[in-house]
PDB file of N, CA and C in Angstrom:
ATOM      1  N   UNK A   1      44.219  -8.318 -35.692  1.00  0.00           N
ATOM      2  CA  UNK A   1      44.926  -7.059 -35.636  1.00  0.00           C
ATOM      3  C   UNK A   1      45.776  -6.972 -34.368  1.00  0.00           C
ATOM      4  N   UNK A   2      45.342  -7.580 -33.272  1.00  0.00           N
ATOM      5  CA  UNK A   2      46.079  -7.535 -32.019  1.00  0.00           C
ATOM      6  C   UNK A   2      47.449  -8.172 -32.118  1.00  0.00           C
ATOM      7  N   UNK A   3      47.546  -9.247 -32.869  1.00  0.00           N
ATOM      8  CA  UNK A   3      48.834  -9.925 -33.039  1.00  0.00           C
ATOM      9  C   UNK A   3      49.812  -9.022 -33.783  1.00  0.00           C
ATOM     10  N   UNK A   4      49.315  -8.310 -34.786  1.00  0.00           N
ATOM     11  CA  UNK A   4      50.147  -7.374 -35.538  1.00  0.00           C
ATOM     12  C   UNK A   4      50.640  -6.257 -34.625  1.00  0.00           C
ATOM     13  N   UNK A   5      49.749  -5.719 -33.785  1.00  0.00           N
ATOM     14  CA  UNK A   5      50.126  -4.655 -32.853  1.00  0.00           C
ATOM     15  C   UNK A   5      51.175  -5.143 -31.862  1.00  0.00           C
ATOM     16  N   UNK A   6      51.010  -6.360 -31.354  1.00  0.00           N
ATOM     17  CA  UNK A   6      51.982  -6.925 -30.426  1.00  0.00           C
ATOM     18  C   UNK A   6      53.342  -7.072 -31.093  1.00  0.00           C
ATOM     19  N   UNK A   7      53.323  -7.540 -32.319  1.00  0.00           N
ATOM     20  CA  UNK A   7      54.574  -7.731 -33.066  1.00  0.00           C
ATOM     21  C   UNK A   7      55.262  -6.382 -33.309  1.00  0.00           C
ATOM     22  N   UNK A   8      54.459  -5.374 -33.655  1.00  0.00           N
ATOM     23  CA  UNK A   8      55.002  -4.041 -33.902  1.00  0.00           C
ATOM     24  C   UNK A   8      55.617  -3.465 -32.626  1.00  0.00           C
ATOM     25  N   UNK A   9      54.934  -3.613 -31.502  1.00  0.00           N
ATOM     26  CA  UNK A   9      55.465  -3.122 -30.220  1.00  0.00           C
ATOM     27  C   UNK A   9      56.758  -3.848 -29.857  1.00  0.00           C
ATOM     28  N   UNK A  10      56.816  -5.149 -30.111  1.00  0.00           N
ATOM     29  CA  UNK A  10      58.022  -5.919 -29.821  1.00  0.00           C
ATOM     30  C   UNK A  10      59.197  -5.437 -30.673  1.00  0.00           C
ATOM     31  N   UNK A  11      58.926  -5.143 -31.930  1.00  0.00           N
ATOM     32  CA  UNK A  11      59.972  -4.629 -32.826  1.00  0.00           C
ATOM     33  C   UNK A  11      60.454  -3.251 -32.364  1.00  0.00           C
ATOM     34  N   UNK A  12      59.517  -2.406 -31.962  1.00  0.00           N
ATOM     35  CA  UNK A  12      59.877  -1.078 -31.468  1.00  0.00           C
ATOM     36  C   UNK A  12      60.720  -1.182 -30.204  1.00  0.00           C
ATOM     37  N   UNK A  13      60.351  -2.089 -29.322  1.00  0.00           N
ATOM     38  CA  UNK A  13      61.093  -2.288 -28.070  1.00  0.00           C
ATOM     39  C   UNK A  13      62.509  -2.784 -28.373  1.00  0.00           C
ATOM     40  N   UNK A  14      62.625  -3.729 -29.308  1.00  0.00           N
ATOM     41  CA  UNK A  14      63.931  -4.260 -29.690  1.00  0.00           C
ATOM     42  C   UNK A  14      64.794  -3.156 -30.298  1.00  0.00           C
ATOM     43  N   UNK A  15      64.210  -2.337 -31.159  1.00  0.00           N
ATOM     44  CA  UNK A  15      64.934  -1.239 -31.774  1.00  0.00           C
ATOM     45  C   UNK A  15      65.443  -0.277 -30.703  1.00  0.00           C
ATOM     46  N   UNK A  16      64.573   0.044 -29.748  1.00  0.00           N
ATOM     47  CA  UNK A  16      64.957   0.958 -28.671  1.00  0.00           C
ATOM     48  C   UNK A  16      66.112   0.372 -27.847  1.00  0.00           C
ATOM     49  N   UNK A  17      66.028  -0.903 -27.522  1.00  0.00           N
ATOM     50  CA  UNK A  17      67.094  -1.556 -26.764  1.00  0.00           C
ATOM     51  C   UNK A  17      68.395  -1.576 -27.552  1.00  0.00           C
ATOM     52  N   UNK A  18      68.310  -1.867 -28.840  1.00  0.00           N
ATOM     53  CA  UNK A  18      69.504  -1.864 -29.694  1.00  0.00           C
ATOM     54  C   UNK A  18      70.151  -0.485 -29.732  1.00  0.00           C
ATOM     55  N   UNK A  19      69.325   0.560 -29.805  1.00  0.00           N
ATOM     56  CA  UNK A  19      69.848   1.929 -29.822  1.00  0.00           C
ATOM     57  C   UNK A  19      70.542   2.268 -28.502  1.00  0.00           C
ATOM     58  N   UNK A  20      69.961   1.857 -27.396  1.00  0.00           N
ATOM     59  CA  UNK A  20      70.567   2.107 -26.083  1.00  0.00           C
ATOM     60  C   UNK A  20      71.904   1.394 -25.954  1.00  0.00           C
ATOM     61  N   UNK A  21      71.949   0.146 -26.404  1.00  0.00           N
ATOM     62  CA  UNK A  21      73.204  -0.612 -26.338  1.00  0.00           C
ATOM     63  C   UNK A  21      74.271   0.014 -27.226  1.00  0.00           C
ATOM     64  N   UNK A  22      73.883   0.488 -28.390  1.00  0.00           N
ATOM     65  CA  UNK A  22      74.841   1.129 -29.291  1.00  0.00           C
ATOM     66  C   UNK A  22      75.378   2.420 -28.676  1.00  0.00           C
ATOM     67  N   UNK A  23      74.509   3.196 -28.028  1.00  0.00           N
ATOM     68  CA  UNK A  23      74.941   4.419 -27.354  1.00  0.00           C
ATOM     69  C   UNK A  23      75.954   4.086 -26.252  1.00  0.00           C
ATOM     70  N   UNK A  24      75.649   3.067 -25.463  1.00  0.00           N
ATOM     71  CA  UNK A  24      76.568   2.653 -24.393  1.00  0.00           C
ATOM     72  C   UNK A  24      77.887   2.159 -24.973  1.00  0.00           C
ATOM     73  N   UNK A  25      77.825   1.437 -26.083  1.00  0.00           N
ATOM     74  CA  UNK A  25      79.046   0.939 -26.722  1.00  0.00           C
ATOM     75  C   UNK A  25      79.894   2.106 -27.221  1.00  0.00           C
ATOM     76  N   UNK A  26      79.263   3.117 -27.785  1.00  0.00           N
ATOM     77  CA  UNK A  26      80.008   4.277 -28.272  1.00  0.00           C
ATOM     78  C   UNK A  26      80.683   5.023 -27.120  1.00  0.00           C
ATOM     79  N   UNK A  27      79.973   5.163 -26.016  1.00  0.00           N
ATOM     80  CA  UNK A  27      80.560   5.830 -24.845  1.00  0.00           C
ATOM     81  C   UNK A  27      81.723   5.009 -24.292  1.00  0.00           C
ATOM     82  N   UNK A  28      81.547   3.700 -24.246  1.00  0.00           N
ATOM     83  CA  UNK A  28      82.614   2.824 -23.751  1.00  0.00           C
ATOM     84  C   UNK A  28      83.814   2.871 -24.693  1.00  0.00           C
ATOM     85  N   UNK A  29      83.557   2.895 -26.006  1.00  0.00           N
ATOM     86  CA  UNK A  29      84.646   3.015 -26.980  1.00  0.00           C
ATOM     87  C   UNK A  29      85.420   4.300 -26.750  1.00  0.00           C
ATOM     88  N   UNK A  30      84.710   5.409 -26.559  1.00  0.00           N
ATOM     89  CA  UNK A  30      85.374   6.694 -26.346  1.00  0.00           C
ATOM     90  C   UNK A  30      86.259   6.647 -25.102  1.00  0.00           C
ATOM     91  N   UNK A  31      85.779   6.015 -24.053  1.00  0.00           N
ATOM     92  CA  UNK A  31      86.586   5.917 -22.832  1.00  0.00           C
ATOM     93  C   UNK A  31      87.821   5.060 -23.064  1.00  0.00           C
ATOM     94  N   UNK A  32      87.640   3.922 -23.737  1.00  0.00           N
ATOM     95  CA  UNK A  32      88.785   3.055 -24.020  1.00  0.00           C
ATOM     96  C   UNK A  32      89.829   3.764 -24.876  1.00  0.00           C
ATOM     97  N   UNK A  33      89.380   4.460 -25.898  1.00  0.00           N
ATOM     98  CA  UNK A  33      90.306   5.196 -26.767  1.00  0.00           C
ATOM     99  C   UNK A  33      90.953   6.339 -25.983  1.00  0.00           C
ATOM    100  N   UNK A  34      90.181   6.977 -25.134  1.00  0.00           N
ATOM    101  CA  UNK A  34      90.731   8.047 -24.306  1.00  0.00           C
ATOM    102  C   UNK A  34      91.816   7.557 -23.368  1.00  0.00           C
ATOM    103  N   UNK A  35      91.597   6.411 -22.753  1.00  0.00           N
ATOM    104  CA  UNK A  35      92.619   5.843 -21.859  1.00  0.00           C
ATOM    105  C   UNK A  35      93.861   5.433 -22.643  1.00  0.00           C
ATOM    106  N   UNK A  36      93.658   4.874 -23.825  1.00  0.00           N
ATOM    107  CA  UNK A  36      94.784   4.507 -24.694  1.00  0.00           C
ATOM    108  C   UNK A  36      95.602   5.744 -25.065  1.00  0.00           C
ATOM    109  N   UNK A  37      94.908   6.798 -25.514  1.00  0.00           N
ATOM    110  CA  UNK A  37      95.594   8.031 -25.902  1.00  0.00           C
ATOM    111  C   UNK A  37      96.279   8.677 -24.700  1.00  0.00           C
ATOM    112  N   UNK A  38      95.626   8.619 -23.553  1.00  0.00           N
ATOM    113  CA  UNK A  38      96.222   9.189 -22.343  1.00  0.00           C
ATOM    114  C   UNK A  38      97.552   8.514 -22.037  1.00  0.00           C
ATOM    115  N   UNK A  39      97.590   7.202 -22.173  1.00  0.00           N
ATOM    116  CA  UNK A  39      98.840   6.482 -21.956  1.00  0.00           C
ATOM    117  C   UNK A  39      99.926   6.904 -22.922  1.00  0.00           C
ATOM    118  N   UNK A  40      99.552   7.114 -24.175  1.00  0.00           N
ATOM    119  CA  UNK A  40     100.527   7.558 -25.175  1.00  0.00           C
ATOM    120  C   UNK A  40     101.047   8.956 -24.883  1.00  0.00           C
ATOM    121  N   UNK A  41     100.210   9.764 -24.236  1.00  0.00           N
ATOM    122  CA  UNK A  41     100.602  11.137 -23.909  1.00  0.00           C
ATOM    123  C   UNK A  41     101.290  11.234 -22.543  1.00  0.00           C
ATOM    124  N   UNK A  42     101.466  10.109 -21.881  1.00  0.00           N
ATOM    125  CA  UNK A  42     102.153  10.095 -20.604  1.00  0.00           C
ATOM    126  C   UNK A  42     101.282  10.419 -19.408  1.00  0.00           C
ATOM    127  N   UNK A  43      99.963  10.375 -19.591  1.00  0.00           N
ATOM    128  CA  UNK A  43      99.058  10.633 -18.469  1.00  0.00           C
ATOM    129  C   UNK A  43      98.781   9.324 -17.738  1.00  0.00           C
ATOM    130  N   UNK A  44      98.601   9.414 -16.435  1.00  0.00           N
ATOM    131  CA  UNK A  44      98.326   8.212 -15.644  1.00  0.00           C
ATOM    132  C   UNK A  44      97.323   8.534 -14.554  1.00  0.00           C
ATOM    133  N   UNK A  45      96.764   7.473 -13.998  1.00  0.00           N
ATOM    134  CA  UNK A  45      95.855   7.553 -12.858  1.00  0.00           C
ATOM    135  C   UNK A  45      94.720   8.552 -13.073  1.00  0.00           C
ATOM    136  N   UNK A  46      94.585   9.522 -12.167  1.00  0.00           N
ATOM    137  CA  UNK A  46      93.473  10.468 -12.232  1.00  0.00           C
ATOM    138  C   UNK A  46      93.526  11.332 -13.478  1.00  0.00           C
ATOM    139  N   UNK A  47      94.726  11.694 -13.925  1.00  0.00           N
ATOM    140  CA  UNK A  47      94.852  12.509 -15.134  1.00  0.00           C
ATOM    141  C   UNK A  47      94.354  11.734 -16.347  1.00  0.00           C
ATOM    142  N   UNK A  48      94.661  10.450 -16.409  1.00  0.00           N
ATOM    143  CA  UNK A  48      94.206   9.609 -17.517  1.00  0.00           C
ATOM    144  C   UNK A  48      92.686   9.451 -17.478  1.00  0.00           C
ATOM    145  N   UNK A  49      92.142   9.223 -16.302  1.00  0.00           N
ATOM    146  CA  UNK A  49      90.682   9.095 -16.159  1.00  0.00           C
ATOM    147  C   UNK A  49      89.979  10.391 -16.539  1.00  0.00           C
ATOM    148  N   UNK A  50      90.523  11.508 -16.105  1.00  0.00           N
ATOM    149  CA  UNK A  50      89.943  12.810 -16.421  1.00  0.00           C
ATOM    150  C   UNK A  50      89.985  13.056 -17.929  1.00  0.00           C
ATOM    151  N   UNK A  51      91.112  12.717 -18.537  1.00  0.00           N
ATOM    152  CA  UNK A  51      91.227  12.881 -19.987  1.00  0.00           C
ATOM    153  C   UNK A  51      90.211  11.982 -20.703  1.00  0.00           C
ATOM    154  N   UNK A  52      90.088  10.740 -20.272  1.00  0.00           N
ATOM    155  CA  UNK A  52      89.138   9.812 -20.901  1.00  0.00           C
ATOM    156  C   UNK A  52      87.710  10.357 -20.802  1.00  0.00           C
ATOM    157  N   UNK A  53      87.364  10.967 -19.681  1.00  0.00           N
ATOM    158  CA  UNK A  53      86.033  11.571 -19.540  1.00  0.00           C
ATOM    159  C   UNK A  53      85.848  12.711 -20.525  1.00  0.00           C
ATOM    160  N   UNK A  54      86.903  13.494 -20.737  1.00  0.00           N
ATOM    161  CA  UNK A  54      86.800  14.600 -21.706  1.00  0.00           C
ATOM    162  C   UNK A  54      86.615  14.063 -23.120  1.00  0.00           C
ATOM    163  N   UNK A  55      87.195  12.906 -23.402  1.00  0.00           N
ATOM    164  CA  UNK A  55      87.029  12.280 -24.718  1.00  0.00           C
ATOM    165  C   UNK A  55      85.586  11.807 -24.885  1.00  0.00           C
ATOM    166  N   UNK A  56      85.028  11.218 -23.844  1.00  0.00           N
ATOM    167  CA  UNK A  56      83.631  10.778 -23.899  1.00  0.00           C
ATOM    168  C   UNK A  56      82.723  11.981 -24.167  1.00  0.00           C
ATOM    169  N   UNK A  57      82.963  13.079 -23.494  1.00  0.00           N
ATOM    170  CA  UNK A  57      82.146  14.280 -23.689  1.00  0.00           C
ATOM    171  C   UNK A  57      82.317  14.820 -25.112  1.00  0.00           C
ATOM    172  N   UNK A  58      83.536  14.804 -25.621  1.00  0.00           N
ATOM    173  CA  UNK A  58      83.785  15.288 -26.985  1.00  0.00           C
ATOM    174  C   UNK A  58      83.064  14.420 -28.006  1.00  0.00           C
ATOM    175  N   UNK A  59      82.938  13.126 -27.708  1.00  0.00           N
ATOM    176  CA  UNK A  59      82.276  12.208 -28.641  1.00  0.00           C
ATOM    177  C   UNK A  59      80.776  12.470 -28.723  1.00  0.00           C
ATOM    178  N   UNK A  60      80.232  13.208 -27.793  1.00  0.00           N
ATOM    179  CA  UNK A  60      78.801  13.513 -27.799  1.00  0.00           C
ATOM    180  C   UNK A  60      78.463  14.759 -28.618  1.00  0.00           C
ATOM    181  N   UNK A  61      79.482  15.435 -29.156  1.00  0.00           N
ATOM    182  CA  UNK A  61      79.259  16.682 -29.876  1.00  0.00           C
ATOM    183  C   UNK A  61      78.433  16.507 -31.145  1.00  0.00           C
ATOM    184  N   UNK A  62      78.661  15.404 -31.855  1.00  0.00           N
ATOM    185  CA  UNK A  62      77.920  15.168 -33.099  1.00  0.00           C
ATOM    186  C   UNK A  62      77.783  13.678 -33.320  1.00  0.00           C
ATOM    187  N   UNK A  63      76.873  13.316 -34.201  1.00  0.00           N
ATOM    188  CA  UNK A  63      76.669  11.899 -34.517  1.00  0.00           C
ATOM    189  C   UNK A  63      77.894  11.360 -35.255  1.00  0.00           C
ATOM    190  N   UNK A  64      78.150  10.093 -35.074  1.00  0.00           N
ATOM    191  CA  UNK A  64      79.288   9.475 -35.744  1.00  0.00           C
ATOM    192  C   UNK A  64      80.547   9.563 -34.907  1.00  0.00           C
ATOM    193  N   UNK A  65      81.634   9.133 -35.485  1.00  0.00           N
ATOM    194  CA  UNK A  65      82.892   9.040 -34.747  1.00  0.00           C
ATOM    195  C   UNK A  65      83.902  10.122 -35.120  1.00  0.00           C
ATOM    196  N   UNK A  66      83.539  11.011 -36.028  1.00  0.00           N
ATOM    197  CA  UNK A  66      84.513  12.014 -36.468  1.00  0.00           C
ATOM    198  C   UNK A  66      84.906  12.981 -35.360  1.00  0.00           C
ATOM    199  N   UNK A  67      83.965  13.323 -34.477  1.00  0.00           N
ATOM    200  CA  UNK A  67      84.305  14.213 -33.367  1.00  0.00           C
ATOM    201  C   UNK A  67      85.320  13.541 -32.440  1.00  0.00           C
ATOM    202  N   UNK A  68      85.148  12.264 -32.218  1.00  0.00           N
ATOM    203  CA  UNK A  68      86.093  11.496 -31.406  1.00  0.00           C
ATOM    204  C   UNK A  68      87.456  11.469 -32.083  1.00  0.00           C
ATOM    205  N   UNK A  69      87.476  11.170 -33.364  1.00  0.00           N
ATOM    206  CA  UNK A  69      88.739  11.117 -34.099  1.00  0.00           C
ATOM    207  C   UNK A  69      89.450  12.467 -34.061  1.00  0.00           C
ATOM    208  N   UNK A  70      88.727  13.556 -34.323  1.00  0.00           N
ATOM    209  CA  UNK A  70      89.354  14.887 -34.335  1.00  0.00           C
ATOM    210  C   UNK A  70      89.975  15.232 -32.987  1.00  0.00           C
ATOM    211  N   UNK A  71      89.288  14.906 -31.905  1.00  0.00           N
ATOM    212  CA  UNK A  71      89.833  15.206 -30.568  1.00  0.00           C
ATOM    213  C   UNK A  71      91.114  14.425 -30.321  1.00  0.00           C
ATOM    214  N   UNK A  72      91.069  13.125 -30.587  1.00  0.00           N
ATOM    215  CA  UNK A  72      92.249  12.289 -30.359  1.00  0.00           C
ATOM    216  C   UNK A  72      93.406  12.756 -31.244  1.00  0.00           C
ATOM    217  N   UNK A  73      93.121  13.001 -32.524  1.00  0.00           N
ATOM    218  CA  UNK A  73      94.155  13.446 -33.469  1.00  0.00           C
ATOM    219  C   UNK A  73      94.798  14.736 -32.980  1.00  0.00           C
ATOM    220  N   UNK A  74      93.989  15.715 -32.610  1.00  0.00           N
ATOM    221  CA  UNK A  74      94.508  17.011 -32.162  1.00  0.00           C
ATOM    222  C   UNK A  74      95.322  16.869 -30.880  1.00  0.00           C
ATOM    223  N   UNK A  75      94.827  16.086 -29.933  1.00  0.00           N
ATOM    224  CA  UNK A  75      95.536  15.943 -28.656  1.00  0.00           C
ATOM    225  C   UNK A  75      96.852  15.188 -28.828  1.00  0.00           C
ATOM    226  N   UNK A  76      96.854  14.144 -29.651  1.00  0.00           N
ATOM    227  CA  UNK A  76      98.108  13.429 -29.899  1.00  0.00           C
ATOM    228  C   UNK A  76      99.108  14.320 -30.614  1.00  0.00           C
ATOM    229  N   UNK A  77      98.643  15.101 -31.575  1.00  0.00           N
ATOM    230  CA  UNK A  77      99.532  16.038 -32.274  1.00  0.00           C
ATOM    231  C   UNK A  77     100.107  17.059 -31.306  1.00  0.00           C
ATOM    232  N   UNK A  78      99.267  17.562 -30.390  1.00  0.00           N
ATOM    233  CA  UNK A  78      99.708  18.561 -29.422  1.00  0.00           C
ATOM    234  C   UNK A  78     100.797  17.996 -28.497  1.00  0.00           C
ATOM    235  N   UNK A  79     100.744  16.694 -28.243  1.00  0.00           N
ATOM    236  CA  UNK A  79     101.742  16.053 -27.389  1.00  0.00           C
ATOM    237  C   UNK A  79     102.848  15.371 -28.196  1.00  0.00           C
ATOM    238  N   UNK A  80     102.926  15.676 -29.483  1.00  0.00           N
ATOM    239  CA  UNK A  80     103.966  15.161 -30.384  1.00  0.00           C
ATOM    240  C   UNK A  80     104.003  13.632 -30.432  1.00  0.00           C
ATOM    241  N   UNK A  81     102.828  13.008 -30.346  1.00  0.00           N
ATOM    242  CA  UNK A  81     102.736  11.558 -30.498  1.00  0.00           C
ATOM    243  C   UNK A  81     102.497  11.285 -31.979  1.00  0.00           C
ATOM    244  N   UNK A  82     103.423  10.574 -32.589  1.00  0.00           N
ATOM    245  CA  UNK A  82     103.377  10.333 -34.030  1.00  0.00           C
ATOM    246  C   UNK A  82     102.622   9.046 -34.338  1.00  0.00           C
ATOM    247  N   UNK A  83     101.378   9.185 -34.778  1.00  0.00           N
ATOM    248  CA  UNK A  83     100.563   8.065 -35.242  1.00  0.00           C
ATOM    249  C   UNK A  83      99.839   8.500 -36.502  1.00  0.00           C
ATOM    250  N   UNK A  84      99.631   7.564 -37.404  1.00  0.00           N
ATOM    251  CA  UNK A  84      98.883   7.878 -38.622  1.00  0.00           C
ATOM    252  C   UNK A  84      97.386   7.898 -38.305  1.00  0.00           C
ATOM    253  N   UNK A  85      96.635   8.532 -39.199  1.00  0.00           N
ATOM    254  CA  UNK A  85      95.180   8.522 -39.067  1.00  0.00           C
ATOM    255  C   UNK A  85      94.673   7.084 -39.054  1.00  0.00           C
ATOM    256  N   UNK A  86      95.271   6.255 -39.896  1.00  0.00           N
ATOM    257  CA  UNK A  86      94.861   4.850 -39.978  1.00  0.00           C
ATOM    258  C   UNK A  86      95.054   4.135 -38.636  1.00  0.00           C
ATOM    259  N   UNK A  87      96.170   4.388 -37.963  1.00  0.00           N
ATOM    260  CA  UNK A  87      96.420   3.749 -36.666  1.00  0.00           C
ATOM    261  C   UNK A  87      95.385   4.182 -35.628  1.00  0.00           C
ATOM    262  N   UNK A  88      95.032   5.447 -35.640  1.00  0.00           N
ATOM    263  CA  UNK A  88      94.032   5.948 -34.688  1.00  0.00           C
ATOM    264  C   UNK A  88      92.668   5.329 -34.993  1.00  0.00           C
ATOM    265  N   UNK A  89      92.296   5.331 -36.254  1.00  0.00           N
ATOM    266  CA  UNK A  89      90.994   4.755 -36.638  1.00  0.00           C
ATOM    267  C   UNK A  89      90.949   3.249 -36.359  1.00  0.00           C
ATOM    268  N   UNK A  90      92.067   2.570 -36.567  1.00  0.00           N
ATOM    269  CA  UNK A  90      92.117   1.131 -36.268  1.00  0.00           C
ATOM    270  C   UNK A  90      91.915   0.899 -34.776  1.00  0.00           C
ATOM    271  N   UNK A  91      92.512   1.736 -33.945  1.00  0.00           N
ATOM    272  CA  UNK A  91      92.325   1.618 -32.500  1.00  0.00           C
ATOM    273  C   UNK A  91      90.875   1.912 -32.124  1.00  0.00           C
ATOM    274  N   UNK A  92      90.264   2.876 -32.788  1.00  0.00           N
ATOM    275  CA  UNK A  92      88.861   3.182 -32.524  1.00  0.00           C
ATOM    276  C   UNK A  92      87.976   1.987 -32.886  1.00  0.00           C
ATOM    277  N   UNK A  93      88.259   1.352 -34.013  1.00  0.00           N
ATOM    278  CA  UNK A  93      87.493   0.169 -34.429  1.00  0.00           C
ATOM    279  C   UNK A  93      87.686  -0.981 -33.442  1.00  0.00           C
ATOM    280  N   UNK A  94      88.920  -1.178 -33.017  1.00  0.00           N
ATOM    281  CA  UNK A  94      89.230  -2.232 -32.046  1.00  0.00           C
ATOM    282  C   UNK A  94      88.503  -1.978 -30.719  1.00  0.00           C
ATOM    283  N   UNK A  95      88.511  -0.732 -30.283  1.00  0.00           N
ATOM    284  CA  UNK A  95      87.843  -0.372 -29.030  1.00  0.00           C
ATOM    285  C   UNK A  95      86.330  -0.544 -29.144  1.00  0.00           C
ATOM    286  N   UNK A  96      85.776  -0.261 -30.320  1.00  0.00           N
ATOM    287  CA  UNK A  96      84.327  -0.438 -30.510  1.00  0.00           C
ATOM    288  C   UNK A  96      83.973  -1.916 -30.436  1.00  0.00           C
ATOM    289  N   UNK A  97      84.773  -2.760 -31.054  1.00  0.00           N
ATOM    290  CA  UNK A  97      84.518  -4.200 -30.989  1.00  0.00           C
ATOM    291  C   UNK A  97      84.616  -4.691 -29.546  1.00  0.00           C
ATOM    292  N   UNK A  98      85.606  -4.206 -28.820  1.00  0.00           N
ATOM    293  CA  UNK A  98      85.775  -4.581 -27.414  1.00  0.00           C
ATOM    294  C   UNK A  98      84.592  -4.091 -26.573  1.00  0.00           C
ATOM    295  N   UNK A  99      84.133  -2.872 -26.825  1.00  0.00           N
ATOM    296  CA  UNK A  99      83.012  -2.302 -26.081  1.00  0.00           C
ATOM    297  C   UNK A  99      81.735  -3.106 -26.327  1.00  0.00           C
ATOM    298  N   UNK A 100      81.468  -3.420 -27.590  1.00  0.00           N
ATOM    299  CA  UNK A 100      80.266  -4.210 -27.901  1.00  0.00           C
ATOM    300  C   UNK A 100      80.335  -5.590 -27.273  1.00  0.00           C
ATOM    301  N   UNK A 101      81.498  -6.209 -27.328  1.00  0.00           N
ATOM    302  CA  UNK A 101      81.651  -7.557 -26.751  1.00  0.00           C
ATOM    303  C   UNK A 101      81.438  -7.524 -25.242  1.00  0.00           C
ATOM    304  N   UNK A 102      81.979  -6.526 -24.580  1.00  0.00           N
ATOM    305  CA  UNK A 102      81.817  -6.454 -23.116  1.00  0.00           C
ATOM    306  C   UNK A 102      80.371  -6.174 -22.735  1.00  0.00           C
ATOM    307  N   UNK A 103      79.668  -5.375 -23.522  1.00  0.00           N
ATOM    308  CA  UNK A 103      78.255  -5.140 -23.245  1.00  0.00           C
ATOM    309  C   UNK A 103      77.435  -6.411 -23.457  1.00  0.00           C
ATOM    310  N   UNK A 104      77.746  -7.149 -24.513  1.00  0.00           N
ATOM    311  CA  UNK A 104      77.032  -8.422 -24.755  1.00  0.00           C
ATOM    312  C   UNK A 104      77.278  -9.405 -23.619  1.00  0.00           C
ATOM    313  N   UNK A 105      78.509  -9.387 -23.103  1.00  0.00           N
ATOM    314  CA  UNK A 105      78.872 -10.298 -22.024  1.00  0.00           C
ATOM    315  C   UNK A 105      78.326  -9.818 -20.670  1.00  0.00           C
ATOM    316  N   UNK A 106      77.841  -8.589 -20.648  1.00  0.00           N
ATOM    317  CA  UNK A 106      77.285  -8.049 -19.409  1.00  0.00           C
ATOM    318  C   UNK A 106      78.322  -7.552 -18.432  1.00  0.00           C
ATOM    319  N   UNK A 107      79.486  -7.204 -18.963  1.00  0.00           N
ATOM    320  CA  UNK A 107      80.544  -6.688 -18.076  1.00  0.00           C
ATOM    321  C   UNK A 107      80.797  -5.226 -18.295  1.00  0.00           C
TER     322      UNK A 107
END
């Protein structure tokens, strides 16, 4: 029975670590997308960083990526940046892949 318990604890630990890494990847994705959108809106330096932080906070409102998408969509529309929903979602997917890769690489 001890071997089963050890295996179960190891699986639980792995699951917990995977969840933490996914949370970090989502936060990193939000920042990357925020910086990208900030550039499109003409923000730079501290304004871009501040905007990216607001995007990260907006992404914490609900599970999934729809809160992130809605914020970016609304802000780009407000600044008359013409992008399709598909282009925004593609950038979000690209940023998520980049975030996961950088976390795996330890950077």
